[in-house]
Amino acid sequence: MSWHKVTLPFKDCGVNGKGSQLRDAFGVILVANGGQPFDAAVFAQTSDDYESVYFYFSPAACQLAPALVEQFQGVPCPGPPFVGKLVALEVGDARAWDLLGVNKPAGLS
């Protein structure tokens, strides 16, 4: 499976919005699986114009929660373009940064 991207309007990503629902739902699935696999993770990035938030599901996250990716209309995409952009690990093990080769934001060790 490949990376998948879910795009949500920025205005829908506040408290109790669709972004929170996506994070919470994946968190429940990941916890139910004992936090594994360690490379099952969801990262997020805000668009340059702050109109959208992109949620990136790693390949392992897609395998763990295919119905969730489908529910939020995720589409296949290349690995996230994190270089030079602020990105957050929304749900997953901190080891996912290194396991997936995702560039960490400056100051994150």
Protein backbone atom coordinates (compact mmCIF):
# COMPACT_ATOMS: atom_id res chain seq x y z
CA MET A 1 0.00 0.00 0.00
CA SER A 2 1.11 3.57 -0.62
CA TRP A 3 0.87 6.77 1.36
CA HIS A 4 -2.59 8.35 1.32
CA LYS A 5 -3.57 11.99 1.79
CA VAL A 6 -6.79 13.31 3.28
CA THR A 7 -7.49 16.98 2.62
CA LEU A 8 -9.83 18.83 4.97
CA PRO A 9 -10.81 22.51 5.06
CA PHE A 10 -8.78 24.36 7.70
CA LYS A 11 -12.02 25.64 9.26
CA ASP A 12 -13.09 22.03 9.91
CA CYS A 13 -9.96 21.16 11.87
CA GLY A 14 -10.69 22.86 15.18
CA VAL A 15 -11.84 21.26 18.41
CA ASN A 16 -14.45 18.57 17.69
CA GLY A 17 -14.08 19.18 13.95
CA LYS A 18 -13.40 16.63 11.25
CA GLY A 19 -9.66 16.78 11.86
CA SER A 20 -10.15 15.88 15.51
CA GLN A 21 -12.53 13.10 14.56
CA LEU A 22 -9.96 11.67 12.14
CA ARG A 23 -7.16 11.82 14.76
CA ASP A 24 -9.32 10.32 17.49
CA ALA A 25 -10.62 7.51 15.30
CA PHE A 26 -7.15 6.50 14.16
CA GLY A 27 -5.88 6.74 17.74
CA VAL A 28 -8.55 4.29 18.92
CA ILE A 29 -7.61 1.84 16.15
CA LEU A 30 -3.90 2.14 16.90
CA VAL A 31 -4.39 1.64 20.65
CA ALA A 32 -6.64 -1.36 20.00
CA ASN A 33 -3.69 -2.86 18.09
CA GLY A 34 -1.28 -2.30 20.96
CA GLY A 35 0.31 0.74 19.32
CA GLN A 36 1.69 -1.39 16.54
CA PRO A 37 3.00 -1.43 13.97
CA PHE A 38 5.35 1.36 14.97
CA ASP A 39 5.35 2.79 11.46
CA ALA A 40 1.56 3.24 11.43
CA ALA A 41 1.29 6.99 11.73
CA VAL A 42 -0.67 10.03 10.61
CA PHE A 43 1.18 13.27 9.93
CA ALA A 44 -0.40 16.65 9.21
CA GLN A 45 0.61 19.75 7.31
CA THR A 46 -1.21 23.03 6.77
CA SER A 47 -1.41 24.42 3.26
CA ASP A 48 0.58 27.57 2.53
CA ASP A 49 -2.64 29.62 2.29
CA TYR A 50 -4.12 28.10 5.50
CA GLU A 51 -7.21 27.00 3.58
CA SER A 52 -6.58 23.26 4.00
CA VAL A 53 -4.97 20.73 6.29
CA TYR A 54 -3.39 17.65 4.76
CA PHE A 55 -3.37 14.44 6.78
CA TYR A 56 -0.87 11.87 5.53
CA PHE A 57 -1.46 8.21 6.38
CA SER A 58 1.66 6.05 6.22
CA PRO A 59 1.37 2.78 4.29
CA ALA A 60 1.08 0.84 7.56
CA ALA A 61 -1.63 3.24 8.78
CA CYS A 62 -3.56 2.61 5.55
CA GLN A 63 -3.34 -1.14 6.10
CA LEU A 64 -4.46 -0.77 9.71
CA ALA A 65 -7.40 1.55 9.00
CA PRO A 66 -8.49 1.26 5.35
CA ALA A 67 -12.13 2.07 6.17
CA LEU A 68 -11.09 5.28 7.92
CA VAL A 69 -8.97 6.36 4.95
CA GLU A 70 -11.93 5.65 2.68
CA GLN A 71 -14.40 7.41 4.99
CA PHE A 72 -12.33 10.60 4.80
CA GLN A 73 -11.79 10.20 1.03
CA GLY A 74 -8.06 9.62 1.21
CA VAL A 75 -6.23 9.45 -2.10
CA PRO A 76 -2.93 7.75 -2.91
CA CYS A 77 0.02 10.12 -2.91
CA PRO A 78 3.80 10.01 -2.94
CA GLY A 79 5.52 10.22 0.41
CA PRO A 80 4.70 13.54 2.02
CA PRO A 81 6.62 16.64 0.90
CA PHE A 82 7.85 17.44 4.37
CA VAL A 83 11.22 18.93 3.41
CA GLY A 84 11.25 22.60 4.40
CA LYS A 85 7.64 22.58 5.61
CA LEU A 86 6.25 22.42 9.11
CA VAL A 87 4.75 19.01 9.75
CA ALA A 88 3.31 17.36 12.84
CA LEU A 89 3.05 13.76 13.92
CA GLU A 90 -0.65 13.71 14.76
CA VAL A 91 -1.04 10.06 15.79
CA GLY A 92 1.58 7.36 16.12
CA ASP A 93 4.77 6.31 17.82
CA ALA A 94 7.56 8.90 17.89
CA ARG A 95 9.80 6.32 16.22
CA ALA A 96 7.70 6.73 13.07
CA TRP A 97 9.75 9.82 12.13
CA ASP A 98 12.87 7.71 11.70
CA LEU A 99 11.21 4.48 10.58
CA LEU A 100 9.50 6.28 7.71
CA GLY A 101 12.34 8.63 6.86
CA VAL A 102 10.24 11.71 7.49
CA ASN A 103 12.25 14.87 8.18
CA LYS A 104 11.61 16.15 11.67
CA PRO A 105 10.97 19.87 12.24
CA ALA A 106 13.99 21.78 13.51
CA GLY A 107 14.49 21.34 17.25
CA LEU A 108 12.63 18.02 17.47
CA SER A 109 14.88 15.23 18.62
